[in-house]
């Protein structure tokens, strides 16, 4: 399984800024919950367990 590990979205810096802004004003617990919801939403969008396993492996 080959994952795309280079920037693959338009304006990655802009997305990173949006992600940081989504966490503004949140406690550590709220921020962790937001990250968990985002991960599960994106995992559902991907929908391929092999891809998700590969992403977990490279993220350790």
PDB file of N, CA and C in Angstrom:
ATOM      1  N   UNK A   1       0.851  -1.175   0.000  1.00  0.00           N
ATOM      2  CA  UNK A   1       0.000   0.000   0.000  1.00  0.00           C
ATOM      3  C   UNK A   1       0.893   1.232   0.000  1.00  0.00           C
ATOM      4  N   UNK A   2       0.772   2.056  -0.997  1.00  0.00           N
ATOM      5  CA  UNK A   2       1.533   3.306  -1.078  1.00  0.00           C
ATOM      6  C   UNK A   2       0.623   4.473  -0.732  1.00  0.00           C
ATOM      7  N   UNK A   3       0.939   5.137   0.341  1.00  0.00           N
ATOM      8  CA  UNK A   3       0.182   6.319   0.734  1.00  0.00           C
ATOM      9  C   UNK A   3       0.820   7.556   0.129  1.00  0.00           C
ATOM     10  N   UNK A   4       0.011   8.558  -0.116  1.00  0.00           N
ATOM     11  CA  UNK A   4       0.517   9.851  -0.568  1.00  0.00           C
ATOM     12  C   UNK A   4       1.025  10.580   0.680  1.00  0.00           C
ATOM     13  N   UNK A   5       2.324  10.801   0.740  1.00  0.00           N
ATOM     14  CA  UNK A   5       2.912  11.416   1.920  1.00  0.00           C
ATOM     15  C   UNK A   5       3.457  12.814   1.646  1.00  0.00           C
ATOM     16  N   UNK A   6       3.214  13.323   0.448  1.00  0.00           N
ATOM     17  CA  UNK A   6       3.587  14.688   0.097  1.00  0.00           C
ATOM     18  C   UNK A   6       2.312  15.516   0.027  1.00  0.00           C
ATOM     19  N   UNK A   7       2.411  16.832   0.162  1.00  0.00           N
ATOM     20  CA  UNK A   7       1.204  17.654   0.115  1.00  0.00           C
ATOM     21  C   UNK A   7       0.361  17.337  -1.127  1.00  0.00           C
ATOM     22  N   UNK A   8      -0.923  17.084  -0.880  1.00  0.00           N
ATOM     23  CA  UNK A   8      -1.815  16.669  -1.957  1.00  0.00           C
ATOM     24  C   UNK A   8      -3.130  17.439  -1.932  1.00  0.00           C
ATOM     25  N   UNK A   9      -3.158  18.548  -1.229  1.00  0.00           N
ATOM     26  CA  UNK A   9      -4.353  19.384  -1.201  1.00  0.00           C
ATOM     27  C   UNK A   9      -3.955  20.789  -1.637  1.00  0.00           C
ATOM     28  N   UNK A  10      -4.878  21.488  -2.274  1.00  0.00           N
ATOM     29  CA  UNK A  10      -4.566  22.876  -2.632  1.00  0.00           C
ATOM     30  C   UNK A  10      -4.344  23.693  -1.358  1.00  0.00           C
ATOM     31  N   UNK A  11      -3.338  24.517  -1.367  1.00  0.00           N
ATOM     32  CA  UNK A  11      -3.036  25.417  -0.257  1.00  0.00           C
ATOM     33  C   UNK A  11      -2.942  24.688   1.081  1.00  0.00           C
ATOM     34  N   UNK A  12      -1.982  23.761   1.222  1.00  0.00           N
ATOM     35  CA  UNK A  12      -1.870  23.030   2.487  1.00  0.00           C
ATOM     36  C   UNK A  12      -1.634  23.938   3.685  1.00  0.00           C
ATOM     37  N   UNK A  13      -0.907  25.041   3.490  1.00  0.00           N
ATOM     38  CA  UNK A  13      -0.686  25.972   4.605  1.00  0.00           C
ATOM     39  C   UNK A  13      -1.993  26.629   5.030  1.00  0.00           C
ATOM     40  N   UNK A  14      -2.846  26.928   4.062  1.00  0.00           N
ATOM     41  CA  UNK A  14      -4.151  27.502   4.375  1.00  0.00           C
ATOM     42  C   UNK A  14      -5.014  26.525   5.157  1.00  0.00           C
ATOM     43  N   UNK A  15      -4.966  25.249   4.765  1.00  0.00           N
ATOM     44  CA  UNK A  15      -5.724  24.237   5.511  1.00  0.00           C
ATOM     45  C   UNK A  15      -5.188  24.114   6.936  1.00  0.00           C
ATOM     46  N   UNK A  16      -3.862  24.115   7.082  1.00  0.00           N
ATOM     47  CA  UNK A  16      -3.264  24.015   8.411  1.00  0.00           C
ATOM     48  C   UNK A  16      -3.723  25.180   9.281  1.00  0.00           C
ATOM     49  N   UNK A  17      -3.789  26.367   8.698  1.00  0.00           N
ATOM     50  CA  UNK A  17      -4.270  27.540   9.430  1.00  0.00           C
ATOM     51  C   UNK A  17      -5.720  27.340   9.863  1.00  0.00           C
ATOM     52  N   UNK A  18      -6.569  26.804   8.974  1.00  0.00           N
ATOM     53  CA  UNK A  18      -7.965  26.528   9.327  1.00  0.00           C
ATOM     54  C   UNK A  18      -8.051  25.525  10.478  1.00  0.00           C
ATOM     55  N   UNK A  19      -7.195  24.504  10.416  1.00  0.00           N
ATOM     56  CA  UNK A  19      -7.175  23.494  11.471  1.00  0.00           C
ATOM     57  C   UNK A  19      -6.791  24.119  12.809  1.00  0.00           C
ATOM     58  N   UNK A  20      -5.773  24.965  12.807  1.00  0.00           N
ATOM     59  CA  UNK A  20      -5.372  25.637  14.046  1.00  0.00           C
ATOM     60  C   UNK A  20      -6.488  26.535  14.568  1.00  0.00           C
ATOM     61  N   UNK A  21      -7.147  27.253  13.671  1.00  0.00           N
ATOM     62  CA  UNK A  21      -8.235  28.141  14.092  1.00  0.00           C
ATOM     63  C   UNK A  21      -9.408  27.357  14.679  1.00  0.00           C
ATOM     64  N   UNK A  22      -9.641  26.143  14.165  1.00  0.00           N
ATOM     65  CA  UNK A  22     -10.732  25.319  14.698  1.00  0.00           C
ATOM     66  C   UNK A  22     -10.482  24.949  16.161  1.00  0.00           C
ATOM     67  N   UNK A  23      -9.215  24.960  16.581  1.00  0.00           N
ATOM     68  CA  UNK A  23      -8.848  24.596  17.945  1.00  0.00           C
ATOM     69  C   UNK A  23      -8.751  25.800  18.881  1.00  0.00           C
ATOM     70  N   UNK A  24      -8.842  27.001  18.339  1.00  0.00           N
ATOM     71  CA  UNK A  24      -8.720  28.201  19.171  1.00  0.00           C
ATOM     72  C   UNK A  24      -9.787  28.227  20.253  1.00  0.00           C
ATOM     73  N   UNK A  25      -9.361  28.504  21.466  1.00  0.00           N
ATOM     74  CA  UNK A  25     -10.285  28.649  22.579  1.00  0.00           C
ATOM     75  C   UNK A  25     -10.736  27.334  23.195  1.00  0.00           C
ATOM     76  N   UNK A  26     -10.273  26.211  22.656  1.00  0.00           N
ATOM     77  CA  UNK A  26     -10.680  24.925  23.198  1.00  0.00           C
ATOM     78  C   UNK A  26      -9.714  24.492  24.301  1.00  0.00           C
ATOM     79  N   UNK A  27     -10.245  23.784  25.263  1.00  0.00           N
ATOM     80  CA  UNK A  27      -9.391  23.173  26.289  1.00  0.00           C
ATOM     81  C   UNK A  27      -8.650  22.006  25.635  1.00  0.00           C
ATOM     82  N   UNK A  28      -7.669  21.459  26.330  1.00  0.00           N
ATOM     83  CA  UNK A  28      -6.954  20.295  25.802  1.00  0.00           C
ATOM     84  C   UNK A  28      -7.919  19.146  25.527  1.00  0.00           C
ATOM     85  N   UNK A  29      -8.863  18.936  26.427  1.00  0.00           N
ATOM     86  CA  UNK A  29      -9.848  17.859  26.270  1.00  0.00           C
ATOM     87  C   UNK A  29     -10.744  18.111  25.056  1.00  0.00           C
ATOM     88  N   UNK A  30     -11.211  19.332  24.902  1.00  0.00           N
ATOM     89  CA  UNK A  30     -12.059  19.672  23.749  1.00  0.00           C
ATOM     90  C   UNK A  30     -11.279  19.553  22.443  1.00  0.00           C
ATOM     91  N   UNK A  31     -10.017  19.948  22.470  1.00  0.00           N
ATOM     92  CA  UNK A  31      -9.163  19.857  21.292  1.00  0.00           C
ATOM     93  C   UNK A  31      -8.947  18.400  20.895  1.00  0.00           C
ATOM     94  N   UNK A  32      -8.707  17.537  21.883  1.00  0.00           N
ATOM     95  CA  UNK A  32      -8.539  16.109  21.609  1.00  0.00           C
ATOM     96  C   UNK A  32      -9.827  15.511  21.042  1.00  0.00           C
ATOM     97  N   UNK A  33     -10.966  15.938  21.558  1.00  0.00           N
ATOM     98  CA  UNK A  33     -12.251  15.442  21.059  1.00  0.00           C
ATOM     99  C   UNK A  33     -12.486  15.900  19.618  1.00  0.00           C
ATOM    100  N   UNK A  34     -12.126  17.144  19.314  1.00  0.00           N
ATOM    101  CA  UNK A  34     -12.242  17.640  17.942  1.00  0.00           C
ATOM    102  C   UNK A  34     -11.365  16.800  17.014  1.00  0.00           C
ATOM    103  N   UNK A  35     -10.118  16.544  17.437  1.00  0.00           N
ATOM    104  CA  UNK A  35      -9.222  15.717  16.614  1.00  0.00           C
ATOM    105  C   UNK A  35      -9.808  14.330  16.393  1.00  0.00           C
ATOM    106  N   UNK A  36     -10.371  13.729  17.421  1.00  0.00           N
ATOM    107  CA  UNK A  36     -10.956  12.393  17.297  1.00  0.00           C
ATOM    108  C   UNK A  36     -12.127  12.405  16.313  1.00  0.00           C
ATOM    109  N   UNK A  37     -12.995  13.409  16.411  1.00  0.00           N
ATOM    110  CA  UNK A  37     -14.130  13.493  15.487  1.00  0.00           C
ATOM    111  C   UNK A  37     -13.658  13.690  14.054  1.00  0.00           C
ATOM    112  N   UNK A  38     -12.644  14.534  13.884  1.00  0.00           N
ATOM    113  CA  UNK A  38     -12.103  14.775  12.547  1.00  0.00           C
ATOM    114  C   UNK A  38     -11.494  13.494  11.969  1.00  0.00           C
ATOM    115  N   UNK A  39     -10.712  12.784  12.770  1.00  0.00           N
ATOM    116  CA  UNK A  39     -10.097  11.541  12.312  1.00  0.00           C
ATOM    117  C   UNK A  39     -11.166  10.534  11.907  1.00  0.00           C
ATOM    118  N   UNK A  40     -12.194  10.371  12.737  1.00  0.00           N
ATOM    119  CA  UNK A  40     -13.235   9.406  12.412  1.00  0.00           C
ATOM    120  C   UNK A  40     -14.028   9.823  11.174  1.00  0.00           C
ATOM    121  N   UNK A  41     -14.265  11.103  11.004  1.00  0.00           N
ATOM    122  CA  UNK A  41     -14.956  11.589   9.800  1.00  0.00           C
ATOM    123  C   UNK A  41     -14.132  11.312   8.550  1.00  0.00           C
ATOM    124  N   UNK A  42     -12.832  11.601   8.618  1.00  0.00           N
ATOM    125  CA  UNK A  42     -11.961  11.356   7.465  1.00  0.00           C
ATOM    126  C   UNK A  42     -11.775   9.871   7.207  1.00  0.00           C
ATOM    127  N   UNK A  43     -11.667   9.066   8.261  1.00  0.00           N
ATOM    128  CA  UNK A  43     -11.562   7.615   8.093  1.00  0.00           C
ATOM    129  C   UNK A  43     -12.807   7.064   7.414  1.00  0.00           C
ATOM    130  N   UNK A  44     -13.962   7.561   7.799  1.00  0.00           N
ATOM    131  CA  UNK A  44     -15.208   7.133   7.159  1.00  0.00           C
ATOM    132  C   UNK A  44     -15.219   7.535   5.689  1.00  0.00           C
ATOM    133  N   UNK A  45     -14.718   8.709   5.373  1.00  0.00           N
ATOM    134  CA  UNK A  45     -14.651   9.178   3.990  1.00  0.00           C
ATOM    135  C   UNK A  45     -13.735   8.283   3.167  1.00  0.00           C
ATOM    136  N   UNK A  46     -12.590   7.892   3.745  1.00  0.00           N
ATOM    137  CA  UNK A  46     -11.649   7.013   3.053  1.00  0.00           C
ATOM    138  C   UNK A  46     -12.279   5.635   2.868  1.00  0.00           C
ATOM    139  N   UNK A  47     -12.764   5.080   3.958  1.00  0.00           N
ATOM    140  CA  UNK A  47     -13.535   3.853   3.900  1.00  0.00           C
ATOM    141  C   UNK A  47     -12.781   2.566   3.571  1.00  0.00           C
ATOM    142  N   UNK A  48     -11.503   2.619   3.361  1.00  0.00           N
ATOM    143  CA  UNK A  48     -10.715   1.447   2.980  1.00  0.00           C
ATOM    144  C   UNK A  48      -9.819   1.061   4.148  1.00  0.00           C
ATOM    145  N   UNK A  49     -10.097  -0.105   4.762  1.00  0.00           N
ATOM    146  CA  UNK A  49      -9.346  -0.505   5.958  1.00  0.00           C
ATOM    147  C   UNK A  49      -7.861  -0.670   5.691  1.00  0.00           C
ATOM    148  N   UNK A  50      -7.470  -1.141   4.509  1.00  0.00           N
ATOM    149  CA  UNK A  50      -6.045  -1.277   4.199  1.00  0.00           C
ATOM    150  C   UNK A  50      -5.359   0.086   4.190  1.00  0.00           C
ATOM    151  N   UNK A  51      -5.988   1.064   3.592  1.00  0.00           N
ATOM    152  CA  UNK A  51      -5.445   2.417   3.567  1.00  0.00           C
ATOM    153  C   UNK A  51      -5.354   2.960   4.993  1.00  0.00           C
ATOM    154  N   UNK A  52      -6.382   2.745   5.778  1.00  0.00           N
ATOM    155  CA  UNK A  52      -6.379   3.239   7.158  1.00  0.00           C
ATOM    156  C   UNK A  52      -5.302   2.549   7.983  1.00  0.00           C
ATOM    157  N   UNK A  53      -5.108   1.246   7.806  1.00  0.00           N
ATOM    158  CA  UNK A  53      -4.043   0.539   8.526  1.00  0.00           C
ATOM    159  C   UNK A  53      -2.674   1.086   8.136  1.00  0.00           C
ATOM    160  N   UNK A  54      -2.489   1.316   6.836  1.00  0.00           N
ATOM    161  CA  UNK A  54      -1.205   1.853   6.355  1.00  0.00           C
ATOM    162  C   UNK A  54      -0.971   3.240   6.939  1.00  0.00           C
ATOM    163  N   UNK A  55      -2.012   4.062   7.013  1.00  0.00           N
ATOM    164  CA  UNK A  55      -1.870   5.403   7.582  1.00  0.00           C
ATOM    165  C   UNK A  55      -1.523   5.324   9.070  1.00  0.00           C
ATOM    166  N   UNK A  56      -2.134   4.405   9.787  1.00  0.00           N
ATOM    167  CA  UNK A  56      -1.784   4.222  11.195  1.00  0.00           C
ATOM    168  C   UNK A  56      -0.328   3.801  11.339  1.00  0.00           C
ATOM    169  N   UNK A  57       0.119   2.916  10.484  1.00  0.00           N
ATOM    170  CA  UNK A  57       1.488   2.416  10.572  1.00  0.00           C
ATOM    171  C   UNK A  57       2.506   3.510  10.349  1.00  0.00           C
ATOM    172  N   UNK A  58       2.292   4.395   9.375  1.00  0.00           N
ATOM    173  CA  UNK A  58       3.274   5.454   9.106  1.00  0.00           C
ATOM    174  C   UNK A  58       3.158   6.601  10.098  1.00  0.00           C
ATOM    175  N   UNK A  59       2.090   6.617  10.878  1.00  0.00           N
ATOM    176  CA  UNK A  59       1.878   7.711  11.833  1.00  0.00           C
ATOM    177  C   UNK A  59       2.440   7.425  13.213  1.00  0.00           C
ATOM    178  N   UNK A  60       2.936   6.221  13.431  1.00  0.00           N
ATOM    179  CA  UNK A  60       3.459   5.857  14.760  1.00  0.00           C
ATOM    180  C   UNK A  60       4.805   6.481  15.000  1.00  0.00           C
TER     181      UNK A  60
END
